[in-house]
Amino acid sequence: MKKEWRPAVKKAMHKAAKNQAGKRGETFNYRWEHVQAVVETAVKLAQLTDADKEIVEAAAWLHDVRKETKDDHPKEGAKFARAFLPETDFPKKKIEPVAKAIEQHMGLWLDKPLKNLEAQVLWDADKLTKIGALSVFHVVGNWFTKDKPITTEEILKNGRSVDWLKKTVNSMHTKPAQKAAQKRLKSFHKIWDYLEEELENNDLK
């Protein structure tokens, strides 16, 4: 009897994320936190756009499963999905669409929009988690390692230095993601504004 696909893909991704965090000496498992957020966002977007929920959810769980291969991780992640999903009860006819969505999720912005709805939803969900209030905590957590302590001033400087956010917002495909991206971008900047205000005591008047 084949394994249930949801627990199987979650377990596979958790193992991969744990290995990645260990190799980088992370005290906060950013990859696992990120993937969980992408899954929740992707499922919600699938509901709002009538995308295939199973394709989107499976692709979201596995989109970073081979992140250690860096720029090749979409291609390698797709290979993993093609090999792994047949071992589960995931619908056979949907495996290739999952792999295709994973293959196309690369990049913080796009010059040309993706054409397939499920690929669009995965791309939007992946990037939405990188531009809002949630992303601040994920990014900050990702900066903490066992060997490289960081100060609050450095965190603020690094946060302020992110310069690709508008391009990401402008690359969103689906209407719900486009609307959320605009709102999340404002939240991202406000958090750094609040931090800077406190650090410089500008709230003392």
C-alpha atoms as a PDB file:
ATOM      1  CA  MET A   1       0.000   0.000   0.000  1.00  0.00           C
ATOM      2  CA  LYS A   2       1.389   3.409  -0.983  1.00  0.00           C
ATOM      3  CA  LYS A   3       2.087   6.157   1.541  1.00  0.00           C
ATOM      4  CA  GLU A   4      -0.355   9.004   2.027  1.00  0.00           C
ATOM      5  CA  TRP A   5       1.106  11.878   0.060  1.00  0.00           C
ATOM      6  CA  ARG A   6       0.541  14.775   2.475  1.00  0.00           C
ATOM      7  CA  PRO A   7       2.408  13.294   5.460  1.00  0.00           C
ATOM      8  CA  ALA A   8       5.055  11.958   3.066  1.00  0.00           C
ATOM      9  CA  VAL A   9       5.884  15.261   1.363  1.00  0.00           C
ATOM     10  CA  LYS A  10       5.826  17.093   4.688  1.00  0.00           C
ATOM     11  CA  LYS A  11       8.245  14.569   6.184  1.00  0.00           C
ATOM     12  CA  ALA A  12      10.542  14.758   3.147  1.00  0.00           C
ATOM     13  CA  MET A  13      10.677  18.550   3.281  1.00  0.00           C
ATOM     14  CA  HIS A  14      11.218  18.645   7.038  1.00  0.00           C
ATOM     15  CA  LYS A  15      14.166  16.273   6.699  1.00  0.00           C
ATOM     16  CA  ALA A  16      15.656  18.397   3.908  1.00  0.00           C
ATOM     17  CA  ALA A  17      15.162  21.629   5.862  1.00  0.00           C
ATOM     18  CA  LYS A  18      16.744  20.142   8.980  1.00  0.00           C
ATOM     19  CA  ASN A  19      19.780  19.036   6.980  1.00  0.00           C
ATOM     20  CA  GLN A  20      20.118  22.449   5.336  1.00  0.00           C
ATOM     21  CA  ALA A  21      19.903  24.264   8.680  1.00  0.00           C
ATOM     22  CA  GLY A  22      22.479  21.959  10.231  1.00  0.00           C
ATOM     23  CA  LYS A  23      24.997  22.512   7.461  1.00  0.00           C
ATOM     24  CA  ARG A  24      24.629  26.283   7.744  1.00  0.00           C
ATOM     25  CA  GLY A  25      24.795  26.325  11.545  1.00  0.00           C
ATOM     26  CA  GLU A  26      21.391  28.027  11.804  1.00  0.00           C
ATOM     27  CA  THR A  27      19.791  28.358  15.226  1.00  0.00           C
ATOM     28  CA  PHE A  28      16.493  29.190  13.494  1.00  0.00           C
ATOM     29  CA  ASN A  29      15.272  26.814  10.789  1.00  0.00           C
ATOM     30  CA  TYR A  30      14.314  29.434   8.225  1.00  0.00           C
ATOM     31  CA  ARG A  31      13.721  26.953   5.410  1.00  0.00           C
ATOM     32  CA  TRP A  32      11.157  24.957   7.364  1.00  0.00           C
ATOM     33  CA  GLU A  33       9.366  28.086   8.559  1.00  0.00           C
ATOM     34  CA  HIS A  34       9.371  29.471   5.011  1.00  0.00           C
ATOM     35  CA  VAL A  35       7.993  26.310   3.388  1.00  0.00           C
ATOM     36  CA  GLN A  36       5.186  25.985   5.930  1.00  0.00           C
ATOM     37  CA  ALA A  37       4.193  29.594   5.245  1.00  0.00           C
ATOM     38  CA  VAL A  38       4.294  29.001   1.484  1.00  0.00           C
ATOM     39  CA  VAL A  39       2.036  25.957   1.820  1.00  0.00           C
ATOM     40  CA  GLU A  40      -0.572  27.845   3.839  1.00  0.00           C
ATOM     41  CA  THR A  41      -0.453  30.799   1.452  1.00  0.00           C
ATOM     42  CA  ALA A  42      -0.572  28.633  -1.660  1.00  0.00           C
ATOM     43  CA  VAL A  43      -3.573  26.647  -0.434  1.00  0.00           C
ATOM     44  CA  LYS A  44      -5.438  29.875   0.332  1.00  0.00           C
ATOM     45  CA  LEU A  45      -4.580  31.306  -3.093  1.00  0.00           C
ATOM     46  CA  ALA A  46      -5.700  28.081  -4.769  1.00  0.00           C
ATOM     47  CA  GLN A  47      -9.082  28.442  -3.094  1.00  0.00           C
ATOM     48  CA  LEU A  48      -9.379  32.059  -4.233  1.00  0.00           C
ATOM     49  CA  THR A  49      -8.305  31.421  -7.833  1.00  0.00           C
ATOM     50  CA  ASP A  50      -9.796  27.961  -8.532  1.00  0.00           C
ATOM     51  CA  ALA A  51      -6.335  26.504  -9.064  1.00  0.00           C
ATOM     52  CA  ASP A  52      -5.952  22.773  -8.474  1.00  0.00           C
ATOM     53  CA  LYS A  53      -5.441  22.538  -4.720  1.00  0.00           C
ATOM     54  CA  GLU A  54      -3.609  19.196  -4.738  1.00  0.00           C
ATOM     55  CA  ILE A  55      -1.105  20.322  -7.372  1.00  0.00           C
ATOM     56  CA  VAL A  56      -0.482  23.602  -5.598  1.00  0.00           C
ATOM     57  CA  GLU A  57      -0.129  22.051  -2.145  1.00  0.00           C
ATOM     58  CA  ALA A  58       2.258  19.296  -3.233  1.00  0.00           C
ATOM     59  CA  ALA A  59       4.370  21.769  -5.216  1.00  0.00           C
ATOM     60  CA  ALA A  60       4.476  24.139  -2.245  1.00  0.00           C
ATOM     61  CA  TRP A  61       5.716  21.422   0.113  1.00  0.00           C
ATOM     62  CA  LEU A  62       8.448  20.323  -2.303  1.00  0.00           C
ATOM     63  CA  HIS A  63       9.474  23.561  -4.026  1.00  0.00           C
ATOM     64  CA  ASP A  64      12.616  23.974  -1.866  1.00  0.00           C
ATOM     65  CA  VAL A  65      13.309  20.315  -1.116  1.00  0.00           C
ATOM     66  CA  ARG A  66      16.625  20.530  -3.011  1.00  0.00           C
ATOM     67  CA  LYS A  67      17.564  24.046  -1.948  1.00  0.00           C
ATOM     68  CA  GLU A  68      21.122  22.935  -1.274  1.00  0.00           C
ATOM     69  CA  THR A  69      21.639  22.862  -5.053  1.00  0.00           C
ATOM     70  CA  LYS A  70      21.132  26.659  -5.047  1.00  0.00           C
ATOM     71  CA  ASP A  71      20.210  28.022  -8.504  1.00  0.00           C
ATOM     72  CA  ASP A  72      19.521  24.496  -9.718  1.00  0.00           C
ATOM     73  CA  HIS A  73      17.020  23.799  -6.947  1.00  0.00           C
ATOM     74  CA  PRO A  74      13.881  24.295  -9.082  1.00  0.00           C
ATOM     75  CA  LYS A  75      15.102  21.773 -11.637  1.00  0.00           C
ATOM     76  CA  GLU A  76      16.389  19.379  -8.986  1.00  0.00           C
ATOM     77  CA  GLY A  77      13.235  19.808  -6.918  1.00  0.00           C
ATOM     78  CA  ALA A  78      11.152  18.900  -9.950  1.00  0.00           C
ATOM     79  CA  LYS A  79      13.243  15.760 -10.439  1.00  0.00           C
ATOM     80  CA  PHE A  80      12.694  14.870  -6.806  1.00  0.00           C
ATOM     81  CA  ALA A  81       8.924  15.311  -7.173  1.00  0.00           C
ATOM     82  CA  ARG A  82       8.818  13.118 -10.274  1.00  0.00           C
ATOM     83  CA  ALA A  83      10.665  10.354  -8.425  1.00  0.00           C
ATOM     84  CA  PHE A  84       9.072  10.728  -4.986  1.00  0.00           C
ATOM     85  CA  LEU A  85       5.375  11.299  -5.639  1.00  0.00           C
ATOM     86  CA  PRO A  86       4.817   7.966  -7.495  1.00  0.00           C
ATOM     87  CA  GLU A  87       5.776   6.244  -4.228  1.00  0.00           C
ATOM     88  CA  THR A  88       2.712   7.865  -2.626  1.00  0.00           C
ATOM     89  CA  ASP A  89      -1.010   7.883  -3.366  1.00  0.00           C
ATOM     90  CA  PHE A  90      -0.741  11.273  -5.087  1.00  0.00           C
ATOM     91  CA  PRO A  91      -2.794  11.295  -8.329  1.00  0.00           C
ATOM     92  CA  LYS A  92      -0.494  10.113 -11.103  1.00  0.00           C
ATOM     93  CA  LYS A  93      -1.848  12.518 -13.703  1.00  0.00           C
ATOM     94  CA  LYS A  94      -1.022  15.486 -11.460  1.00  0.00           C
ATOM     95  CA  ILE A  95       2.636  14.660 -10.832  1.00  0.00           C
ATOM     96  CA  GLU A  96       3.978  16.354 -13.941  1.00  0.00           C
ATOM     97  CA  PRO A  97       2.028  19.591 -13.281  1.00  0.00           C
ATOM     98  CA  VAL A  98       3.562  19.615  -9.785  1.00  0.00           C
ATOM     99  CA  ALA A  99       7.035  19.224 -11.241  1.00  0.00           C
ATOM    100  CA  LYS A 100       6.413  21.954 -13.807  1.00  0.00           C
ATOM    101  CA  ALA A 101       5.245  24.376 -11.117  1.00  0.00           C
ATOM    102  CA  ILE A 102       8.367  23.669  -9.058  1.00  0.00           C
ATOM    103  CA  GLU A 103      10.573  24.191 -12.111  1.00  0.00           C
ATOM    104  CA  GLN A 104       9.125  27.652 -12.654  1.00  0.00           C
ATOM    105  CA  HIS A 105       9.228  29.150  -9.158  1.00  0.00           C
ATOM    106  CA  MET A 106      12.746  30.609  -9.440  1.00  0.00           C
ATOM    107  CA  GLY A 107      13.472  34.319  -9.185  1.00  0.00           C
ATOM    108  CA  LEU A 108      12.468  37.203  -6.935  1.00  0.00           C
ATOM    109  CA  TRP A 109      10.822  38.943  -9.887  1.00  0.00           C
ATOM    110  CA  LEU A 110       9.883  38.069 -13.449  1.00  0.00           C
ATOM    111  CA  ASP A 111      10.302  39.824 -16.786  1.00  0.00           C
ATOM    112  CA  LYS A 112       7.455  37.778 -18.248  1.00  0.00           C
ATOM    113  CA  PRO A 113       4.524  36.287 -16.323  1.00  0.00           C
ATOM    114  CA  LEU A 114       4.075  32.543 -16.010  1.00  0.00           C
ATOM    115  CA  LYS A 115       1.225  31.068 -18.034  1.00  0.00           C
ATOM    116  CA  ASN A 116       0.060  28.089 -15.983  1.00  0.00           C
ATOM    117  CA  LEU A 117      -2.291  28.925 -13.099  1.00  0.00           C
ATOM    118  CA  GLU A 118      -0.823  26.456 -10.602  1.00  0.00           C
ATOM    119  CA  ALA A 119       2.697  27.693 -11.372  1.00  0.00           C
ATOM    120  CA  GLN A 120       1.461  31.271 -10.929  1.00  0.00           C
ATOM    121  CA  VAL A 121      -0.061  30.431  -7.550  1.00  0.00           C
ATOM    122  CA  LEU A 122       3.108  28.734  -6.302  1.00  0.00           C
ATOM    123  CA  TRP A 123       5.278  31.635  -7.480  1.00  0.00           C
ATOM    124  CA  ASP A 124       2.987  34.200  -5.867  1.00  0.00           C
ATOM    125  CA  ALA A 125       2.786  32.279  -2.590  1.00  0.00           C
ATOM    126  CA  ASP A 126       6.546  31.797  -2.419  1.00  0.00           C
ATOM    127  CA  LYS A 127       7.217  35.500  -2.939  1.00  0.00           C
ATOM    128  CA  LEU A 128       4.396  36.772  -0.710  1.00  0.00           C
ATOM    129  CA  THR A 129       6.146  35.183   2.263  1.00  0.00           C
ATOM    130  CA  LYS A 130       9.252  37.257   1.474  1.00  0.00           C
ATOM    131  CA  ILE A 131       7.791  40.778   1.410  1.00  0.00           C
ATOM    132  CA  GLY A 132       5.603  41.297   4.477  1.00  0.00           C
ATOM    133  CA  ALA A 133       5.762  41.447   8.264  1.00  0.00           C
ATOM    134  CA  LEU A 134       6.239  37.675   8.421  1.00  0.00           C
ATOM    135  CA  SER A 135       9.262  37.960   6.163  1.00  0.00           C
ATOM    136  CA  VAL A 136      10.930  40.346   8.618  1.00  0.00           C
ATOM    137  CA  PHE A 137      10.939  37.666  11.299  1.00  0.00           C
ATOM    138  CA  HIS A 138      11.966  34.948   8.856  1.00  0.00           C
ATOM    139  CA  VAL A 139      14.806  37.060   7.489  1.00  0.00           C
ATOM    140  CA  VAL A 140      16.009  38.117  10.927  1.00  0.00           C
ATOM    141  CA  GLY A 141      15.882  34.527  12.144  1.00  0.00           C
ATOM    142  CA  ASN A 142      17.900  33.450   9.135  1.00  0.00           C
ATOM    143  CA  TRP A 143      20.700  35.845  10.142  1.00  0.00           C
ATOM    144  CA  PHE A 144      21.273  34.112  13.468  1.00  0.00           C
ATOM    145  CA  THR A 145      23.840  31.345  13.364  1.00  0.00           C
ATOM    146  CA  LYS A 146      25.965  29.721  16.021  1.00  0.00           C
ATOM    147  CA  ASP A 147      29.143  31.385  14.801  1.00  0.00           C
ATOM    148  CA  LYS A 148      27.995  34.799  13.560  1.00  0.00           C
ATOM    149  CA  PRO A 149      26.335  36.981  16.209  1.00  0.00           C
ATOM    150  CA  ILE A 150      24.503  40.028  14.882  1.00  0.00           C
ATOM    151  CA  THR A 151      23.472  43.310  16.507  1.00  0.00           C
ATOM    152  CA  THR A 152      20.132  45.099  16.309  1.00  0.00           C
ATOM    153  CA  GLU A 153      21.790  47.923  14.353  1.00  0.00           C
ATOM    154  CA  GLU A 154      23.060  45.414  11.798  1.00  0.00           C
ATOM    155  CA  ILE A 155      19.609  43.867  11.541  1.00  0.00           C
ATOM    156  CA  LEU A 156      18.106  47.275  10.792  1.00  0.00           C
ATOM    157  CA  LYS A 157      20.789  48.073   8.215  1.00  0.00           C
ATOM    158  CA  ASN A 158      20.293  44.731   6.485  1.00  0.00           C
ATOM    159  CA  GLY A 159      16.528  45.129   6.506  1.00  0.00           C
ATOM    160  CA  ARG A 160      16.729  48.580   4.981  1.00  0.00           C
ATOM    161  CA  SER A 161      19.082  47.328   2.250  1.00  0.00           C
ATOM    162  CA  VAL A 162      16.514  45.055   0.586  1.00  0.00           C
ATOM    163  CA  ASP A 163      15.981  46.678  -2.813  1.00  0.00           C
ATOM    164  CA  TRP A 164      14.044  44.146  -4.907  1.00  0.00           C
ATOM    165  CA  LEU A 165      10.678  44.280  -3.172  1.00  0.00           C
ATOM    166  CA  LYS A 166       8.855  46.555  -5.642  1.00  0.00           C
ATOM    167  CA  LYS A 167       9.909  44.344  -8.536  1.00  0.00           C
ATOM    168  CA  THR A 168       8.510  41.340  -6.694  1.00  0.00           C
ATOM    169  CA  VAL A 169       5.226  43.100  -6.002  1.00  0.00           C
ATOM    170  CA  ASN A 170       4.932  44.074  -9.652  1.00  0.00           C
ATOM    171  CA  SER A 171       5.535  40.475 -10.727  1.00  0.00           C
ATOM    172  CA  MET A 172       2.542  38.992  -8.892  1.00  0.00           C
ATOM    173  CA  HIS A 173       0.148  37.085 -11.147  1.00  0.00           C
ATOM    174  CA  THR A 174      -3.118  36.571  -9.311  1.00  0.00           C
ATOM    175  CA  LYS A 175      -5.385  39.377  -8.165  1.00  0.00           C
ATOM    176  CA  PRO A 176      -5.485  38.260  -4.506  1.00  0.00           C
ATOM    177  CA  ALA A 177      -1.683  38.129  -4.426  1.00  0.00           C
ATOM    178  CA  GLN A 178      -1.358  41.505  -6.132  1.00  0.00           C
ATOM    179  CA  LYS A 179      -3.566  43.110  -3.500  1.00  0.00           C
ATOM    180  CA  ALA A 180      -1.874  41.361  -0.581  1.00  0.00           C
ATOM    181  CA  ALA A 181       1.603  42.174  -1.911  1.00  0.00           C
ATOM    182  CA  GLN A 182       0.924  45.909  -1.863  1.00  0.00           C
ATOM    183  CA  LYS A 183      -0.299  45.697   1.722  1.00  0.00           C
ATOM    184  CA  ARG A 184       2.569  43.494   2.851  1.00  0.00           C
ATOM    185  CA  LEU A 185       5.171  45.782   1.329  1.00  0.00           C
ATOM    186  CA  LYS A 186       3.864  48.638   3.468  1.00  0.00           C
ATOM    187  CA  SER A 187       3.968  46.424   6.560  1.00  0.00           C
ATOM    188  CA  PHE A 188       7.560  45.435   5.801  1.00  0.00           C
ATOM    189  CA  HIS A 189       8.730  49.048   5.697  1.00  0.00           C
ATOM    190  CA  LYS A 190       6.682  50.077   8.739  1.00  0.00           C
ATOM    191  CA  ILE A 191       8.341  47.495  10.963  1.00  0.00           C
ATOM    192  CA  TRP A 192      11.796  48.855  10.137  1.00  0.00           C
ATOM    193  CA  ASP A 193      10.459  52.389  10.694  1.00  0.00           C
ATOM    194  CA  TYR A 194       9.241  51.429  14.169  1.00  0.00           C
ATOM    195  CA  LEU A 195      12.527  49.735  15.026  1.00  0.00           C
ATOM    196  CA  GLU A 196      14.552  52.729  13.906  1.00  0.00           C
ATOM    197  CA  GLU A 197      12.315  55.099  15.851  1.00  0.00           C
ATOM    198  CA  GLU A 198      12.931  53.187  19.076  1.00  0.00           C
ATOM    199  CA  LEU A 199      16.658  52.739  18.505  1.00  0.00           C
ATOM    200  CA  GLU A 200      17.092  56.479  17.984  1.00  0.00           C
ATOM    201  CA  ASN A 201      14.560  57.393  20.730  1.00  0.00           C
ATOM    202  CA  ASN A 202      12.609  59.504  18.271  1.00  0.00           C
ATOM    203  CA  ASP A 203       9.423  58.571  20.136  1.00  0.00           C
ATOM    204  CA  LEU A 204      10.635  60.568  23.156  1.00  0.00           C
ATOM    205  CA  LYS A 205       9.316  64.079  22.672  1.00  0.00           C
END
